[in-house]
Amino acid sequence: MSGTGRPQPSCRTYPVLSPLPAVGGNEGVGEVLEVGHRVTTLKPGDWVIPANAGLGTWRTQGVFPEEMLLKVPSDIPVLCAATLSVNPCTAFRLLADFESLVPGDSVIQNAANSGVGQAVIQIAKASGIKTINVVRDRPDLPKLMERLMTLGADHIITEEMLRKPEMKDIFKSIPKPRLALNCVGGKSTTEMLRHLQPKGTMVTYGGMAKQPVMVPVSAFIFRDVRLRGFWMTQWRKDHAQDQESVAAMMDALCQLIRRGQLTAPACTEVPLQDYRAALEASMKPFVSSKQILLL
């Protein structure tokens, strides 16, 4: 297996532990070089990505059962293929599975500059859904805002703005969100929740601040908000026998990519021998770029 891989970010801890010795890397794309005589779904030359977490993509070659790989079209950009299996899939499911959103609806999300956040902006834009995107204040904020606007973001605000009266101005042109996507936790989540519609849903899929989600009792009693959680790895386990759902999701994402409506997140390409630099860069604050290992 050859292709690209990516270090895991240090900001989250997931209960996936491969038995040691293990190969790192949770995402990537490779080209099939040879197949066994019983293989029916793949052939030499096909592009493949991991079907599940923990495959180990930091390698130049590997031998895998065919059910551990998903075929992807080779007519999409290689960086899109290499980053397809986790963030875009997570964004797709977050937008599809928790609220029945229609064009004109709005979604609010924090960590909007993350890989998932960038995919949410683009998928929502393609579906006519407005996005309110929360980011941390930072030295290069204007540059970040320009990049997210280019992706299709409708509104970009800082965490501090969530608490200001000016938020009312946003809702003069778009409805309050029915869906909130939380990847941070702590105060950011509590403040974001205040802007959710009654009976709206907040889905937590990460905890970058490593702080608990604090919800006022009034949000439950008077607005009947719903709190849910999501983990792409668990979704794949739950749908292991439902390949139609997996295929439909991958096809929808690849169609968006072909139409130019979904691009790879901001990436930094790093030769495998410089993996230490990639790891160090992935742990720095305010880094919105995925570190892509070239094998």
C-alpha atoms as a PDB file:
ATOM      1  CA  MET A   1       0.000   0.000   0.000  1.00  0.00           C
ATOM      2  CA  SER A   2       1.395   3.371  -0.941  1.00  0.00           C
ATOM      3  CA  GLY A   3      -0.005   6.841  -0.632  1.00  0.00           C
ATOM      4  CA  THR A   4      -0.398   9.500   2.033  1.00  0.00           C
ATOM      5  CA  GLY A   5      -1.089   9.377   5.724  1.00  0.00           C
ATOM      6  CA  ARG A   6      -1.660  11.831   8.531  1.00  0.00           C
ATOM      7  CA  PRO A   7      -0.604  12.064  12.188  1.00  0.00           C
ATOM      8  CA  GLN A   8      -3.395  11.951  14.730  1.00  0.00           C
ATOM      9  CA  PRO A   9      -3.999  15.292  16.505  1.00  0.00           C
ATOM     10  CA  SER A  10      -2.993  15.544  20.132  1.00  0.00           C
ATOM     11  CA  CYS A  11      -6.167  17.325  21.213  1.00  0.00           C
ATOM     12  CA  ARG A  12      -8.391  14.260  21.458  1.00  0.00           C
ATOM     13  CA  THR A  13      -8.200  10.845  23.062  1.00  0.00           C
ATOM     14  CA  TYR A  14     -10.108   8.008  21.432  1.00  0.00           C
ATOM     15  CA  PRO A  15     -10.482   4.482  22.823  1.00  0.00           C
ATOM     16  CA  VAL A  16      -8.829   2.769  19.863  1.00  0.00           C
ATOM     17  CA  LEU A  17      -5.648   0.975  20.847  1.00  0.00           C
ATOM     18  CA  SER A  18      -3.946  -1.303  18.339  1.00  0.00           C
ATOM     19  CA  PRO A  19      -1.919  -4.197  19.794  1.00  0.00           C
ATOM     20  CA  LEU A  20       1.809  -3.462  19.827  1.00  0.00           C
ATOM     21  CA  PRO A  21       3.888  -3.409  17.732  1.00  0.00           C
ATOM     22  CA  ALA A  22       1.604  -1.227  15.627  1.00  0.00           C
ATOM     23  CA  VAL A  23       1.809   1.031  12.577  1.00  0.00           C
ATOM     24  CA  GLY A  24       0.600   4.597  13.060  1.00  0.00           C
ATOM     25  CA  GLY A  25      -1.686   6.575  10.813  1.00  0.00           C
ATOM     26  CA  ASN A  26      -5.479   6.559  10.681  1.00  0.00           C
ATOM     27  CA  GLU A  27      -6.092   8.051   7.238  1.00  0.00           C
ATOM     28  CA  GLY A  28      -4.517   7.759   3.835  1.00  0.00           C
ATOM     29  CA  VAL A  29      -4.918   6.542   0.306  1.00  0.00           C
ATOM     30  CA  GLY A  30      -3.062   3.738  -1.425  1.00  0.00           C
ATOM     31  CA  GLU A  31      -2.907   1.989  -4.767  1.00  0.00           C
ATOM     32  CA  VAL A  32      -3.580  -1.733  -5.079  1.00  0.00           C
ATOM     33  CA  LEU A  33      -0.509  -3.466  -6.493  1.00  0.00           C
ATOM     34  CA  GLU A  34      -1.595  -7.128  -6.386  1.00  0.00           C
ATOM     35  CA  VAL A  35      -4.668  -9.111  -5.346  1.00  0.00           C
ATOM     36  CA  GLY A  36      -5.200 -12.722  -4.290  1.00  0.00           C
ATOM     37  CA  HIS A  37      -7.215 -15.081  -6.455  1.00  0.00           C
ATOM     38  CA  ARG A  38     -10.231 -14.882  -4.092  1.00  0.00           C
ATOM     39  CA  VAL A  39     -10.438 -11.084  -4.141  1.00  0.00           C
ATOM     40  CA  THR A  40     -13.541  -9.941  -6.019  1.00  0.00           C
ATOM     41  CA  THR A  41     -14.006  -6.232  -5.224  1.00  0.00           C
ATOM     42  CA  LEU A  42     -10.547  -4.862  -5.979  1.00  0.00           C
ATOM     43  CA  LYS A  43      -8.018  -5.068  -8.779  1.00  0.00           C
ATOM     44  CA  PRO A  44      -4.485  -3.748  -9.378  1.00  0.00           C
ATOM     45  CA  GLY A  45      -4.492  -0.003  -9.960  1.00  0.00           C
ATOM     46  CA  ASP A  46      -7.517   0.715  -7.758  1.00  0.00           C
ATOM     47  CA  TRP A  47      -7.261   3.455  -5.145  1.00  0.00           C
ATOM     48  CA  VAL A  48      -8.241   2.407  -1.631  1.00  0.00           C
ATOM     49  CA  ILE A  49      -8.687   4.030   1.774  1.00  0.00           C
ATOM     50  CA  PRO A  50      -9.092   2.407   5.218  1.00  0.00           C
ATOM     51  CA  ALA A  51     -12.568   1.004   5.865  1.00  0.00           C
ATOM     52  CA  ASN A  52     -12.095   1.388   9.630  1.00  0.00           C
ATOM     53  CA  ALA A  53      -9.902   3.219  12.120  1.00  0.00           C
ATOM     54  CA  GLY A  54      -6.517   1.877  13.140  1.00  0.00           C
ATOM     55  CA  LEU A  55      -5.407   0.370   9.829  1.00  0.00           C
ATOM     56  CA  GLY A  56      -1.952   1.947  10.060  1.00  0.00           C
ATOM     57  CA  THR A  57      -1.196   4.070   7.005  1.00  0.00           C
ATOM     58  CA  TRP A  58       2.346   5.196   7.811  1.00  0.00           C
ATOM     59  CA  ARG A  59       3.876   2.543   5.567  1.00  0.00           C
ATOM     60  CA  THR A  60       4.987   2.173   1.996  1.00  0.00           C
ATOM     61  CA  GLN A  61       3.357  -1.258   1.525  1.00  0.00           C
ATOM     62  CA  GLY A  62       0.948  -3.532   3.341  1.00  0.00           C
ATOM     63  CA  VAL A  63      -1.097  -6.692   2.901  1.00  0.00           C
ATOM     64  CA  PHE A  64      -4.753  -6.499   3.968  1.00  0.00           C
ATOM     65  CA  PRO A  65      -7.992  -8.464   3.634  1.00  0.00           C
ATOM     66  CA  GLU A  66     -10.206  -6.751   1.072  1.00  0.00           C
ATOM     67  CA  GLU A  67     -12.914  -5.991   3.674  1.00  0.00           C
ATOM     68  CA  MET A  68     -10.446  -3.685   5.469  1.00  0.00           C
ATOM     69  CA  LEU A  69     -10.271  -1.380   2.428  1.00  0.00           C
ATOM     70  CA  LEU A  70     -12.733   0.828   0.580  1.00  0.00           C
ATOM     71  CA  LYS A  71     -12.320   1.528  -3.118  1.00  0.00           C
ATOM     72  CA  VAL A  72     -12.430   5.204  -4.050  1.00  0.00           C
ATOM     73  CA  PRO A  73     -12.431   6.716  -7.538  1.00  0.00           C
ATOM     74  CA  SER A  74      -9.038   7.656  -8.928  1.00  0.00           C
ATOM     75  CA  ASP A  75     -10.406  10.711 -10.730  1.00  0.00           C
ATOM     76  CA  ILE A  76     -10.493  12.834  -7.567  1.00  0.00           C
ATOM     77  CA  PRO A  77      -7.449  14.755  -6.243  1.00  0.00           C
ATOM     78  CA  VAL A  78      -5.107  12.557  -4.233  1.00  0.00           C
ATOM     79  CA  LEU A  79      -5.243  14.857  -1.194  1.00  0.00           C
ATOM     80  CA  CYS A  80      -9.043  14.618  -1.206  1.00  0.00           C
ATOM     81  CA  ALA A  81      -8.803  10.825  -1.290  1.00  0.00           C
ATOM     82  CA  ALA A  82      -6.172  10.768   1.465  1.00  0.00           C
ATOM     83  CA  THR A  83      -8.338  12.846   3.813  1.00  0.00           C
ATOM     84  CA  LEU A  84     -11.720  11.354   2.895  1.00  0.00           C
ATOM     85  CA  SER A  85     -12.241   8.586   5.422  1.00  0.00           C
ATOM     86  CA  VAL A  86     -12.703  10.571   8.659  1.00  0.00           C
ATOM     87  CA  ASN A  87     -13.413  14.323   8.534  1.00  0.00           C
ATOM     88  CA  PRO A  88     -15.705  14.578   5.457  1.00  0.00           C
ATOM     89  CA  CYS A  89     -17.580  11.439   6.551  1.00  0.00           C
ATOM     90  CA  THR A  90     -18.030  12.890  10.044  1.00  0.00           C
ATOM     91  CA  ALA A  91     -19.287  16.183   8.600  1.00  0.00           C
ATOM     92  CA  PHE A  92     -21.682  14.357   6.277  1.00  0.00           C
ATOM     93  CA  ARG A  93     -23.204  12.308   9.099  1.00  0.00           C
ATOM     94  CA  LEU A  94     -23.453  15.283  11.473  1.00  0.00           C
ATOM     95  CA  LEU A  95     -25.485  17.205   8.905  1.00  0.00           C
ATOM     96  CA  ALA A  96     -27.613  14.238   7.829  1.00  0.00           C
ATOM     97  CA  ASP A  97     -28.414  12.178  10.919  1.00  0.00           C
ATOM     98  CA  PHE A  98     -29.602  14.481  13.707  1.00  0.00           C
ATOM     99  CA  GLU A  99     -31.921  17.118  12.214  1.00  0.00           C
ATOM    100  CA  SER A 100     -33.907  17.124   8.976  1.00  0.00           C
ATOM    101  CA  LEU A 101     -32.300  20.234   7.560  1.00  0.00           C
ATOM    102  CA  VAL A 102     -33.661  21.965   4.479  1.00  0.00           C
ATOM    103  CA  PRO A 103     -32.299  24.834   2.351  1.00  0.00           C
ATOM    104  CA  GLY A 104     -32.443  28.066   4.322  1.00  0.00           C
ATOM    105  CA  ASP A 105     -31.886  26.394   7.703  1.00  0.00           C
ATOM    106  CA  SER A 106     -28.775  27.273   9.672  1.00  0.00           C
ATOM    107  CA  VAL A 107     -26.139  25.380  11.633  1.00  0.00           C
ATOM    108  CA  ILE A 108     -23.724  26.728  14.233  1.00  0.00           C
ATOM    109  CA  GLN A 109     -20.385  25.050  14.906  1.00  0.00           C
ATOM    110  CA  ASN A 110     -17.226  25.680  16.895  1.00  0.00           C
ATOM    111  CA  ALA A 111     -13.743  24.594  15.785  1.00  0.00           C
ATOM    112  CA  ALA A 112     -14.899  25.738  12.360  1.00  0.00           C
ATOM    113  CA  ASN A 113     -11.324  25.770  11.053  1.00  0.00           C
ATOM    114  CA  SER A 114     -10.821  22.067  11.825  1.00  0.00           C
ATOM    115  CA  GLY A 115     -10.935  19.401   9.136  1.00  0.00           C
ATOM    116  CA  VAL A 116     -14.516  18.532  10.064  1.00  0.00           C
ATOM    117  CA  GLY A 117     -15.452  22.217  10.297  1.00  0.00           C
ATOM    118  CA  GLN A 118     -14.148  22.961   6.824  1.00  0.00           C
ATOM    119  CA  ALA A 119     -16.087  20.003   5.418  1.00  0.00           C
ATOM    120  CA  VAL A 120     -19.281  21.072   7.246  1.00  0.00           C
ATOM    121  CA  ILE A 121     -19.027  24.534   5.658  1.00  0.00           C
ATOM    122  CA  GLN A 122     -18.696  23.110   2.152  1.00  0.00           C
ATOM    123  CA  ILE A 123     -21.315  20.349   2.421  1.00  0.00           C
ATOM    124  CA  ALA A 124     -23.783  22.761   4.008  1.00  0.00           C
ATOM    125  CA  LYS A 125     -23.131  25.342   1.283  1.00  0.00           C
ATOM    126  CA  ALA A 126     -23.823  22.750  -1.412  1.00  0.00           C
ATOM    127  CA  SER A 127     -27.125  21.939   0.320  1.00  0.00           C
ATOM    128  CA  GLY A 128     -28.255  25.548   0.742  1.00  0.00           C
ATOM    129  CA  ILE A 129     -27.756  25.476   4.525  1.00  0.00           C
ATOM    130  CA  LYS A 130     -26.312  28.547   6.248  1.00  0.00           C
ATOM    131  CA  THR A 131     -23.382  28.189   8.637  1.00  0.00           C
ATOM    132  CA  ILE A 132     -22.366  30.235  11.660  1.00  0.00           C
ATOM    133  CA  ASN A 133     -18.753  29.379  12.329  1.00  0.00           C
ATOM    134  CA  VAL A 134     -17.024  29.933  15.661  1.00  0.00           C
ATOM    135  CA  VAL A 135     -13.220  30.104  15.876  1.00  0.00           C
ATOM    136  CA  ARG A 136     -10.748  31.104  18.557  1.00  0.00           C
ATOM    137  CA  ASP A 137      -9.264  34.577  18.343  1.00  0.00           C
ATOM    138  CA  ARG A 138      -5.714  34.404  16.946  1.00  0.00           C
ATOM    139  CA  PRO A 139      -3.001  36.563  15.379  1.00  0.00           C
ATOM    140  CA  ASP A 140      -3.918  35.552  11.805  1.00  0.00           C
ATOM    141  CA  LEU A 141      -7.694  35.836  12.265  1.00  0.00           C
ATOM    142  CA  PRO A 142      -8.353  37.951   9.118  1.00  0.00           C
ATOM    143  CA  LYS A 143      -6.481  35.428   6.976  1.00  0.00           C
ATOM    144  CA  LEU A 144      -8.398  32.524   8.514  1.00  0.00           C
ATOM    145  CA  MET A 145     -11.731  34.297   8.033  1.00  0.00           C
ATOM    146  CA  GLU A 146     -10.922  34.941   4.387  1.00  0.00           C
ATOM    147  CA  ARG A 147     -10.108  31.267   3.822  1.00  0.00           C
ATOM    148  CA  LEU A 148     -13.319  30.048   5.484  1.00  0.00           C
ATOM    149  CA  MET A 149     -15.383  32.567   3.540  1.00  0.00           C
ATOM    150  CA  THR A 150     -13.813  31.233   0.343  1.00  0.00           C
ATOM    151  CA  LEU A 151     -15.038  27.754   1.350  1.00  0.00           C
ATOM    152  CA  GLY A 152     -18.583  29.112   1.669  1.00  0.00           C
ATOM    153  CA  ALA A 153     -18.947  30.185   5.301  1.00  0.00           C
ATOM    154  CA  ASP A 154     -21.847  32.598   5.830  1.00  0.00           C
ATOM    155  CA  HIS A 155     -20.801  34.037   9.200  1.00  0.00           C
ATOM    156  CA  ILE A 156     -17.512  33.728  11.100  1.00  0.00           C
ATOM    157  CA  ILE A 157     -17.299  34.842  14.711  1.00  0.00           C
ATOM    158  CA  THR A 158     -14.927  34.424  17.627  1.00  0.00           C
ATOM    159  CA  GLU A 159     -15.812  32.663  20.868  1.00  0.00           C
ATOM    160  CA  GLU A 160     -15.926  36.059  22.572  1.00  0.00           C
ATOM    161  CA  MET A 161     -18.579  37.294  20.124  1.00  0.00           C
ATOM    162  CA  LEU A 162     -20.933  34.508  21.183  1.00  0.00           C
ATOM    163  CA  ARG A 163     -21.616  36.470  24.377  1.00  0.00           C
ATOM    164  CA  LYS A 164     -22.173  39.859  22.740  1.00  0.00           C
ATOM    165  CA  PRO A 165     -25.486  41.526  21.807  1.00  0.00           C
ATOM    166  CA  GLU A 166     -24.270  41.837  18.195  1.00  0.00           C
ATOM    167  CA  MET A 167     -25.190  38.175  17.732  1.00  0.00           C
ATOM    168  CA  LYS A 168     -28.787  39.374  17.286  1.00  0.00           C
ATOM    169  CA  ASP A 169     -27.766  41.066  14.036  1.00  0.00           C
ATOM    170  CA  ILE A 170     -26.870  37.709  12.491  1.00  0.00           C
ATOM    171  CA  PHE A 171     -30.366  36.372  13.108  1.00  0.00           C
ATOM    172  CA  LYS A 172     -31.974  39.272  11.279  1.00  0.00           C
ATOM    173  CA  SER A 173     -31.002  37.621   7.989  1.00  0.00           C
ATOM    174  CA  ILE A 174     -30.993  33.910   8.851  1.00  0.00           C
ATOM    175  CA  PRO A 175     -33.009  31.773  11.278  1.00  0.00           C
ATOM    176  CA  LYS A 176     -31.545  30.605  14.559  1.00  0.00           C
ATOM    177  CA  PRO A 177     -29.802  27.251  14.122  1.00  0.00           C
ATOM    178  CA  ARG A 178     -31.622  23.973  14.599  1.00  0.00           C
ATOM    179  CA  LEU A 179     -28.308  22.146  14.874  1.00  0.00           C
ATOM    180  CA  ALA A 180     -25.151  22.946  16.850  1.00  0.00           C
ATOM    181  CA  LEU A 181     -21.931  20.997  16.325  1.00  0.00           C
ATOM    182  CA  ASN A 182     -19.549  20.921  19.270  1.00  0.00           C
ATOM    183  CA  CYS A 183     -15.906  19.900  19.039  1.00  0.00           C
ATOM    184  CA  VAL A 184     -14.587  22.011  21.908  1.00  0.00           C
ATOM    185  CA  GLY A 185     -16.472  21.811  25.208  1.00  0.00           C
ATOM    186  CA  GLY A 186     -16.313  24.278  28.089  1.00  0.00           C
ATOM    187  CA  LYS A 187     -17.600  27.853  27.813  1.00  0.00           C
ATOM    188  CA  SER A 188     -17.602  27.808  24.011  1.00  0.00           C
ATOM    189  CA  THR A 189     -20.220  25.070  24.067  1.00  0.00           C
ATOM    190  CA  THR A 190     -22.399  26.691  26.727  1.00  0.00           C
ATOM    191  CA  GLU A 191     -22.484  30.002  24.868  1.00  0.00           C
ATOM    192  CA  MET A 192     -23.110  28.355  21.503  1.00  0.00           C
ATOM    193  CA  LEU A 193     -26.034  26.440  22.976  1.00  0.00           C
ATOM    194  CA  ARG A 194     -27.774  29.694  23.964  1.00  0.00           C
ATOM    195  CA  HIS A 195     -28.348  30.513  20.292  1.00  0.00           C
ATOM    196  CA  LEU A 196     -29.958  27.181  19.423  1.00  0.00           C
ATOM    197  CA  GLN A 197     -33.629  27.091  18.473  1.00  0.00           C
ATOM    198  CA  PRO A 198     -36.102  25.540  20.948  1.00  0.00           C
ATOM    199  CA  LYS A 199     -36.126  21.755  20.467  1.00  0.00           C
ATOM    200  CA  GLY A 200     -32.827  22.078  18.588  1.00  0.00           C
ATOM    201  CA  THR A 201     -30.028  19.524  18.818  1.00  0.00           C
ATOM    202  CA  MET A 202     -26.421  19.904  19.857  1.00  0.00           C
ATOM    203  CA  VAL A 203     -24.090  17.098  18.798  1.00  0.00           C
ATOM    204  CA  THR A 204     -20.724  16.690  20.499  1.00  0.00           C
ATOM    205  CA  TYR A 205     -18.075  14.907  18.460  1.00  0.00           C
ATOM    206  CA  GLY A 206     -14.875  16.190  20.108  1.00  0.00           C
ATOM    207  CA  GLY A 207     -13.520  17.889  23.202  1.00  0.00           C
ATOM    208  CA  MET A 208     -10.533  19.980  22.208  1.00  0.00           C
ATOM    209  CA  ALA A 209     -10.683  22.165  25.333  1.00  0.00           C
ATOM    210  CA  LYS A 210     -10.718  19.038  27.529  1.00  0.00           C
ATOM    211  CA  GLN A 211     -13.445  20.683  29.593  1.00  0.00           C
ATOM    212  CA  PRO A 212     -16.928  19.329  30.369  1.00  0.00           C
ATOM    213  CA  VAL A 213     -20.043  20.353  28.509  1.00  0.00           C
ATOM    214  CA  MET A 214     -22.006  22.612  30.877  1.00  0.00           C
ATOM    215  CA  VAL A 215     -25.700  23.075  30.102  1.00  0.00           C
ATOM    216  CA  PRO A 216     -28.044  25.408  32.040  1.00  0.00           C
ATOM    217  CA  VAL A 217     -31.095  23.626  33.439  1.00  0.00           C
ATOM    218  CA  SER A 218     -33.271  26.267  31.749  1.00  0.00           C
ATOM    219  CA  ALA A 219     -32.103  25.030  28.334  1.00  0.00           C
ATOM    220  CA  PHE A 220     -33.732  21.678  29.061  1.00  0.00           C
ATOM    221  CA  ILE A 221     -36.857  22.921  30.811  1.00  0.00           C
ATOM    222  CA  PHE A 222     -37.824  25.940  28.742  1.00  0.00           C
ATOM    223  CA  ARG A 223     -36.280  25.161  25.351  1.00  0.00           C
ATOM    224  CA  ASP A 224     -36.228  21.361  25.369  1.00  0.00           C
ATOM    225  CA  VAL A 225     -32.832  21.182  23.660  1.00  0.00           C
ATOM    226  CA  ARG A 226     -31.401  17.782  22.844  1.00  0.00           C
ATOM    227  CA  LEU A 227     -27.812  16.752  23.486  1.00  0.00           C
ATOM    228  CA  ARG A 228     -26.351  13.958  21.377  1.00  0.00           C
ATOM    229  CA  GLY A 229     -22.943  12.491  20.676  1.00  0.00           C
ATOM    230  CA  PHE A 230     -21.226  11.149  17.585  1.00  0.00           C
ATOM    231  CA  TRP A 231     -18.124   9.093  16.815  1.00  0.00           C
ATOM    232  CA  MET A 232     -17.393   8.086  13.233  1.00  0.00           C
ATOM    233  CA  THR A 233     -15.647   4.884  14.292  1.00  0.00           C
ATOM    234  CA  GLN A 234     -18.760   3.725  16.152  1.00  0.00           C
ATOM    235  CA  TRP A 235     -20.957   4.631  13.180  1.00  0.00           C
ATOM    236  CA  ARG A 236     -18.836   2.401  10.974  1.00  0.00           C
ATOM    237  CA  LYS A 237     -19.114  -0.452  13.480  1.00  0.00           C
ATOM    238  CA  ASP A 238     -22.877  -0.030  13.666  1.00  0.00           C
ATOM    239  CA  HIS A 239     -23.137  -0.072   9.865  1.00  0.00           C
ATOM    240  CA  ALA A 240     -20.622  -2.829   9.182  1.00  0.00           C
ATOM    241  CA  GLN A 241     -23.358  -4.933   7.565  1.00  0.00           C
ATOM    242  CA  ASP A 242     -24.972  -1.975   5.816  1.00  0.00           C
ATOM    243  CA  GLN A 243     -22.646  -1.381   2.933  1.00  0.00           C
ATOM    244  CA  GLU A 244     -25.352   0.468   1.005  1.00  0.00           C
ATOM    245  CA  SER A 245     -25.292   3.327   3.527  1.00  0.00           C
ATOM    246  CA  VAL A 246     -21.491   3.463   3.408  1.00  0.00           C
ATOM    247  CA  ALA A 247     -21.443   3.394  -0.395  1.00  0.00           C
ATOM    248  CA  ALA A 248     -24.123   6.089  -0.633  1.00  0.00           C
ATOM    249  CA  MET A 249     -22.159   8.373   1.702  1.00  0.00           C
ATOM    250  CA  MET A 250     -18.887   7.873  -0.167  1.00  0.00           C
ATOM    251  CA  ASP A 251     -20.582   8.406  -3.528  1.00  0.00           C
ATOM    252  CA  ALA A 252     -22.224  11.627  -2.339  1.00  0.00           C
ATOM    253  CA  LEU A 253     -18.903  12.961  -1.046  1.00  0.00           C
ATOM    254  CA  CYS A 254     -17.026  12.034  -4.219  1.00  0.00           C
ATOM    255  CA  GLN A 255     -19.715  13.710  -6.323  1.00  0.00           C
ATOM    256  CA  LEU A 256     -19.218  16.914  -4.315  1.00  0.00           C
ATOM    257  CA  ILE A 257     -15.468  16.643  -4.836  1.00  0.00           C
ATOM    258  CA  ARG A 258     -15.868  16.189  -8.593  1.00  0.00           C
ATOM    259  CA  ARG A 259     -18.111  19.248  -8.778  1.00  0.00           C
ATOM    260  CA  GLY A 260     -15.561  21.325  -6.887  1.00  0.00           C
ATOM    261  CA  GLN A 261     -17.931  21.767  -3.934  1.00  0.00           C
ATOM    262  CA  LEU A 262     -15.752  19.826  -1.479  1.00  0.00           C
ATOM    263  CA  THR A 263     -11.993  20.235  -1.343  1.00  0.00           C
ATOM    264  CA  ALA A 264      -9.320  18.750   0.874  1.00  0.00           C
ATOM    265  CA  PRO A 265      -8.721  20.702   4.082  1.00  0.00           C
ATOM    266  CA  ALA A 266      -5.705  22.974   4.279  1.00  0.00           C
ATOM    267  CA  CYS A 267      -2.759  20.567   4.104  1.00  0.00           C
ATOM    268  CA  THR A 268       1.007  20.621   4.595  1.00  0.00           C
ATOM    269  CA  GLU A 269       2.763  17.877   2.665  1.00  0.00           C
ATOM    270  CA  VAL A 270       5.739  16.393   4.520  1.00  0.00           C
ATOM    271  CA  PRO A 271       8.110  13.609   3.350  1.00  0.00           C
ATOM    272  CA  LEU A 272       7.906  10.564   5.619  1.00  0.00           C
ATOM    273  CA  GLN A 273      11.496  10.992   6.805  1.00  0.00           C
ATOM    274  CA  ASP A 274      10.486  14.377   8.263  1.00  0.00           C
ATOM    275  CA  TYR A 275       7.637  12.891  10.301  1.00  0.00           C
ATOM    276  CA  ARG A 276       8.942  14.453  13.523  1.00  0.00           C
ATOM    277  CA  ALA A 277       8.406  17.909  12.066  1.00  0.00           C
ATOM    278  CA  ALA A 278       4.865  16.916  11.094  1.00  0.00           C
ATOM    279  CA  LEU A 279       4.136  15.667  14.607  1.00  0.00           C
ATOM    280  CA  GLU A 280       5.499  18.852  16.174  1.00  0.00           C
ATOM    281  CA  ALA A 281       3.486  21.037  13.796  1.00  0.00           C
ATOM    282  CA  SER A 282       0.268  19.104  14.549  1.00  0.00           C
ATOM    283  CA  MET A 283       0.610  19.910  18.250  1.00  0.00           C
ATOM    284  CA  LYS A 284       1.119  23.661  17.882  1.00  0.00           C
ATOM    285  CA  PRO A 285      -1.792  25.995  18.741  1.00  0.00           C
ATOM    286  CA  PHE A 286      -3.783  27.712  15.995  1.00  0.00           C
ATOM    287  CA  VAL A 287      -2.570  25.333  13.273  1.00  0.00           C
ATOM    288  CA  SER A 288      -5.423  24.703  10.834  1.00  0.00           C
ATOM    289  CA  SER A 289      -3.389  22.608   8.408  1.00  0.00           C
ATOM    290  CA  LYS A 290      -3.366  18.813   8.292  1.00  0.00           C
ATOM    291  CA  GLN A 291       0.087  17.289   8.165  1.00  0.00           C
ATOM    292  CA  ILE A 292       0.152  14.896   5.199  1.00  0.00           C
ATOM    293  CA  LEU A 293       2.941  12.319   5.081  1.00  0.00           C
ATOM    294  CA  LEU A 294       4.169  11.510   1.577  1.00  0.00           C
ATOM    295  CA  LEU A 295       5.304   7.900   1.299  1.00  0.00           C
END
